[in-house]
Amino acid sequence: MRAVVQRVSGARVVVAVEDPPAERRWETVGEIPGEGLCVLVGVTHDDTPEKAERLARKLWGLRILEGERSCSDTGAPLLVVSQFTLYGDARKGRRPTWQAAAPGPVAEPLVDEVCARLRALGAHVETGRFGAKMEVSLTNDGPFTVLLEV
């Protein structure tokens, strides 16, 4: 599993809702109004629930908030968004391949597992909507971004 983690002073994710189909509107499905972490999570074929648990523990204890504190120290929320493109490969040609990204039926339960494990640790977790057309907005505080791989 891979995660791009950004320290934020606010973040939200909206999804496209087409009802009726000719009219598109946006609905907020996850938002953190202040200090926290925005986490983009990618899943590959050999990831497991155990890796999801390790990622959740790492995110909960990662000391990148102001004053070298973690979400576990401050109670800061996390916005977790599935991001299959983290396993894109653009080393050849001009078009990325997505072969290393796990398909939805494999990836969705593992992203859900990361969120469930975070909540079990005491975290407030907001999420995107798996497979939806999403727009993520955030204010990167620092800027501060790290890449995690478990």
Protein backbone atom coordinates (compact mmCIF):
# COMPACT_ATOMS: atom_id res chain seq x y z
CA MET A 1 0.00 0.00 0.00
CA ARG A 2 1.08 3.54 -0.74
CA ALA A 3 -0.09 6.76 0.81
CA VAL A 4 0.61 10.37 0.01
CA VAL A 5 0.12 12.23 3.29
CA GLN A 6 -0.27 15.98 3.43
CA ARG A 7 -0.46 18.10 6.55
CA VAL A 8 -3.41 20.41 5.96
CA SER A 9 -5.16 23.34 7.57
CA GLY A 10 -8.38 22.21 5.90
CA ALA A 11 -9.49 19.75 3.22
CA ARG A 12 -12.63 18.47 1.57
CA VAL A 13 -13.74 16.09 -1.13
CA VAL A 14 -16.80 16.53 -3.31
CA VAL A 15 -18.37 14.02 -5.68
CA ALA A 16 -20.27 14.57 -8.88
CA VAL A 17 -23.97 13.82 -8.63
CA GLU A 18 -25.95 13.70 -11.86
CA ASP A 19 -29.64 13.80 -11.08
CA PRO A 20 -31.14 14.10 -13.61
CA PRO A 21 -28.22 12.93 -15.79
CA ALA A 22 -28.10 16.17 -17.78
CA GLU A 23 -27.48 18.23 -14.63
CA ARG A 24 -24.27 17.80 -12.67
CA ARG A 25 -23.96 19.11 -9.16
CA TRP A 26 -21.33 18.53 -6.51
CA GLU A 27 -21.94 17.08 -3.07
CA THR A 28 -19.46 17.31 -0.18
CA VAL A 29 -18.87 13.81 1.20
CA GLY A 30 -15.87 14.43 3.45
CA GLU A 31 -14.38 17.50 5.08
CA ILE A 32 -11.95 18.48 7.79
CA PRO A 33 -12.19 22.18 8.68
CA GLY A 34 -8.86 22.67 10.45
CA GLU A 35 -5.55 20.97 11.16
CA GLY A 36 -5.32 17.35 10.08
CA LEU A 37 -4.04 15.01 7.43
CA CYS A 38 -5.23 14.47 3.87
CA VAL A 39 -4.28 10.94 2.86
CA LEU A 40 -4.41 9.54 -0.67
CA VAL A 41 -4.27 5.72 -0.50
CA GLY A 42 -3.24 3.40 -3.33
CA VAL A 43 -3.60 -0.38 -3.27
CA THR A 44 -1.67 -2.95 -5.29
CA HIS A 45 -2.40 -6.63 -5.97
CA ASP A 46 -0.55 -8.20 -3.05
CA ASP A 47 -1.83 -5.88 -0.33
CA THR A 48 -3.56 -7.43 2.69
CA PRO A 49 -5.67 -6.43 5.69
CA GLU A 50 -2.47 -6.67 7.76
CA LYS A 51 -0.84 -4.03 5.57
CA ALA A 52 -3.96 -1.87 5.93
CA GLU A 53 -3.61 -2.15 9.72
CA ARG A 54 0.09 -1.19 9.57
CA LEU A 55 -0.72 1.82 7.40
CA ALA A 56 -3.47 2.92 9.79
CA ARG A 57 -1.15 2.70 12.81
CA LYS A 58 1.57 4.60 10.93
CA LEU A 59 -0.87 7.37 9.93
CA TRP A 60 -2.27 7.65 13.47
CA GLY A 61 1.17 8.03 15.01
CA LEU A 62 2.95 9.99 12.27
CA ARG A 63 4.48 13.07 13.94
CA ILE A 64 4.11 15.67 11.17
CA LEU A 65 1.56 18.02 12.70
CA GLU A 66 2.59 21.34 14.23
CA GLY A 67 5.10 20.86 17.04
CA GLU A 68 6.04 17.36 15.80
CA ARG A 69 2.79 15.94 17.09
CA SER A 70 0.57 13.24 15.62
CA CYS A 71 -3.15 12.80 15.13
CA SER A 72 -3.07 10.50 18.16
CA ASP A 73 -1.56 13.34 20.20
CA THR A 74 -3.95 16.06 19.08
CA GLY A 75 -7.12 14.27 17.96
CA ALA A 76 -6.71 15.86 14.52
CA PRO A 77 -8.93 14.30 11.84
CA LEU A 78 -7.88 12.52 8.66
CA LEU A 79 -9.45 12.76 5.21
CA VAL A 80 -8.78 9.45 3.43
CA VAL A 81 -9.29 9.22 -0.33
CA SER A 82 -8.70 6.16 -2.49
CA GLN A 83 -6.23 6.94 -5.30
CA PHE A 84 -5.44 4.12 -7.73
CA THR A 85 -3.18 6.44 -9.74
CA LEU A 86 -0.50 6.15 -7.04
CA TYR A 87 0.39 2.89 -8.78
CA GLY A 88 0.56 4.42 -12.25
CA ASP A 89 3.73 3.73 -14.22
CA ALA A 90 4.84 6.37 -16.73
CA ARG A 91 8.45 5.24 -17.22
CA LYS A 92 7.80 4.29 -20.85
CA GLY A 93 6.00 6.38 -23.41
CA ARG A 94 3.62 9.20 -22.65
CA ARG A 95 0.65 7.28 -21.31
CA PRO A 96 0.76 5.73 -17.81
CA THR A 97 -0.18 2.11 -17.27
CA TRP A 98 -2.24 1.04 -14.28
CA GLN A 99 -1.26 -2.63 -14.14
CA ALA A 100 0.18 -2.39 -10.62
CA ALA A 101 -3.04 -0.88 -9.22
CA ALA A 102 -5.42 -3.40 -7.67
CA PRO A 103 -8.90 -3.60 -9.22
CA GLY A 104 -11.83 -2.06 -7.35
CA PRO A 105 -13.11 -5.30 -5.77
CA VAL A 106 -9.66 -5.80 -4.18
CA ALA A 107 -8.85 -2.17 -3.40
CA GLU A 108 -12.13 -0.90 -1.94
CA PRO A 109 -12.26 -3.29 1.05
CA LEU A 110 -8.62 -2.53 1.88
CA VAL A 111 -9.13 1.25 1.83
CA ASP A 112 -12.21 0.67 4.00
CA GLU A 113 -10.03 -1.43 6.32
CA VAL A 114 -7.53 1.43 6.71
CA CYS A 115 -10.40 3.72 7.71
CA ALA A 116 -11.91 1.13 10.08
CA ARG A 117 -8.55 0.55 11.78
CA LEU A 118 -8.00 4.30 12.17
CA ARG A 119 -11.45 4.64 13.75
CA ALA A 120 -10.71 1.72 16.08
CA LEU A 121 -7.62 3.62 17.23
CA GLY A 122 -9.81 6.62 18.06
CA ALA A 123 -9.39 8.70 14.90
CA HIS A 124 -12.03 10.92 13.34
CA VAL A 125 -11.95 9.86 9.68
CA GLU A 126 -13.65 11.51 6.73
CA THR A 127 -13.60 9.83 3.32
CA GLY A 128 -14.21 10.22 -0.35
CA ARG A 129 -16.49 7.88 -2.28
CA PHE A 130 -14.79 4.92 -3.91
CA GLY A 131 -15.00 4.93 -7.70
CA ALA A 132 -16.79 8.29 -7.91
CA LYS A 133 -15.76 11.36 -9.87
CA MET A 134 -14.17 13.37 -7.05
CA GLU A 135 -12.55 16.74 -6.54
CA VAL A 136 -10.22 17.10 -3.56
CA SER A 137 -9.48 20.59 -2.24
CA LEU A 138 -6.97 21.28 0.47
CA THR A 139 -4.65 23.82 1.97
CA ASN A 140 -1.28 22.14 2.38
CA ASP A 141 0.20 23.47 5.63
CA GLY A 142 3.93 23.99 5.31
CA PRO A 143 3.80 22.75 2.60
CA PHE A 144 4.34 19.34 4.09
CA THR A 145 3.92 16.11 2.11
CA VAL A 146 5.35 12.62 2.74
CA LEU A 147 5.08 9.31 0.93
CA LEU A 148 4.45 6.16 2.97
CA GLU A 149 4.74 2.61 1.75
CA VAL A 150 3.93 -0.50 3.80
